[in-house]
Amino acid sequence: MKVAPSVIVNDGDTLVGAACAGLGLAYMLEDLAAPALKDGGLVEVLADWCPRFPGYHAFYSSRRQPTRAFSLFLESLRQGADRES
């Protein structure tokens, strides 16, 4: 079934808020939904269709010198992964 979205956002907190307000289903990272799932504000649906993944992945060309901003971004992902393990 093809459904046209009625709300489009580019901010995770806004997406969680819209779902908690009952505006419909929302497809988001589990990390964003975790607090609302825990307190009952959200309920997971279609769990069989939501693949789990072990973490974030970054693909980038090894032939180019990364910018300072990109290097800092990668470092923050690595630190986040270290805290979770």
Protein backbone atom coordinates (compact mmCIF):
# COMPACT_ATOMS: atom_id res chain seq x y z
CA MET A 1 0.00 0.00 0.00
CA LYS A 2 1.44 3.34 -0.97
CA VAL A 3 0.70 6.16 1.47
CA ALA A 4 1.51 9.83 1.01
CA PRO A 5 3.09 11.36 4.13
CA SER A 6 1.18 14.18 5.74
CA VAL A 7 4.03 15.40 7.95
CA ILE A 8 7.66 15.68 6.90
CA VAL A 9 10.31 16.75 9.41
CA ASN A 10 14.10 16.84 9.47
CA ASP A 11 14.52 16.84 13.25
CA GLY A 12 14.39 13.74 15.43
CA ASP A 13 12.82 15.44 18.44
CA THR A 14 10.07 16.88 16.26
CA LEU A 15 9.44 13.44 14.77
CA VAL A 16 9.15 11.84 18.21
CA GLY A 17 6.85 14.66 19.35
CA ALA A 18 4.60 14.24 16.31
CA ALA A 19 4.34 10.49 16.88
CA CYS A 20 3.62 10.97 20.60
CA ALA A 21 0.92 13.50 19.67
CA GLY A 22 -0.80 10.79 17.65
CA LEU A 23 -0.12 12.16 14.18
CA GLY A 24 0.58 8.67 12.86
CA LEU A 25 3.33 6.12 12.45
CA ALA A 26 6.93 7.30 12.46
CA TYR A 27 10.03 5.56 11.14
CA MET A 28 13.00 6.55 13.29
CA LEU A 29 16.14 5.28 14.97
CA GLU A 30 15.45 3.30 18.10
CA ASP A 31 17.80 5.60 20.04
CA LEU A 32 15.42 8.50 19.37
CA ALA A 33 12.33 6.52 20.31
CA ALA A 34 13.76 4.79 23.40
CA PRO A 35 12.59 7.30 26.06
CA ALA A 36 9.04 7.45 24.65
CA LEU A 37 8.94 3.67 24.26
CA LYS A 38 10.07 3.25 27.86
CA ASP A 39 7.46 5.60 29.34
CA GLY A 40 4.66 4.27 27.12
CA GLY A 41 4.31 7.38 24.96
CA LEU A 42 5.09 5.26 21.90
CA VAL A 43 4.48 1.64 21.01
CA GLU A 44 6.64 -0.24 18.53
CA VAL A 45 4.73 -1.62 15.56
CA LEU A 46 5.90 -3.69 12.60
CA ALA A 47 8.89 -4.97 14.58
CA ASP A 48 9.47 -7.74 12.03
CA TRP A 49 10.02 -5.09 9.36
CA CYS A 50 12.50 -3.02 11.39
CA PRO A 51 16.03 -4.34 10.94
CA ARG A 52 18.43 -3.88 13.84
CA PHE A 53 21.99 -2.86 13.18
CA PRO A 54 25.05 -2.95 15.43
CA GLY A 55 25.88 0.73 15.03
CA TYR A 56 26.54 3.57 12.68
CA HIS A 57 28.66 3.20 9.59
CA ALA A 58 30.54 5.85 7.65
CA PHE A 59 31.75 5.31 4.12
CA TYR A 60 34.21 7.79 2.67
CA SER A 61 36.96 7.92 0.11
CA SER A 62 40.38 6.98 1.42
CA ARG A 63 41.93 8.90 -1.49
CA ARG A 64 40.86 12.31 -0.21
CA GLN A 65 42.08 14.20 2.83
CA PRO A 66 39.11 14.45 5.24
CA THR A 67 38.11 17.87 6.50
CA ARG A 68 38.59 18.71 10.17
CA ALA A 69 34.80 18.73 10.67
CA PHE A 70 34.48 15.25 9.16
CA SER A 71 37.34 13.91 11.29
CA LEU A 72 35.65 15.28 14.44
CA PHE A 73 32.35 13.70 13.37
CA LEU A 74 34.02 10.29 12.94
CA GLU A 75 35.71 10.65 16.32
CA SER A 76 32.37 11.39 18.02
CA LEU A 77 30.87 8.25 16.43
CA ARG A 78 33.80 6.19 17.67
CA GLN A 79 33.50 7.59 21.21
CA GLY A 80 29.76 6.86 21.23
CA ALA A 81 30.43 3.28 20.17
CA ASP A 82 33.08 2.91 22.90
CA ARG A 83 30.64 4.13 25.59
CA GLU A 84 27.98 1.62 24.51
CA SER A 85 30.30 -1.39 24.59
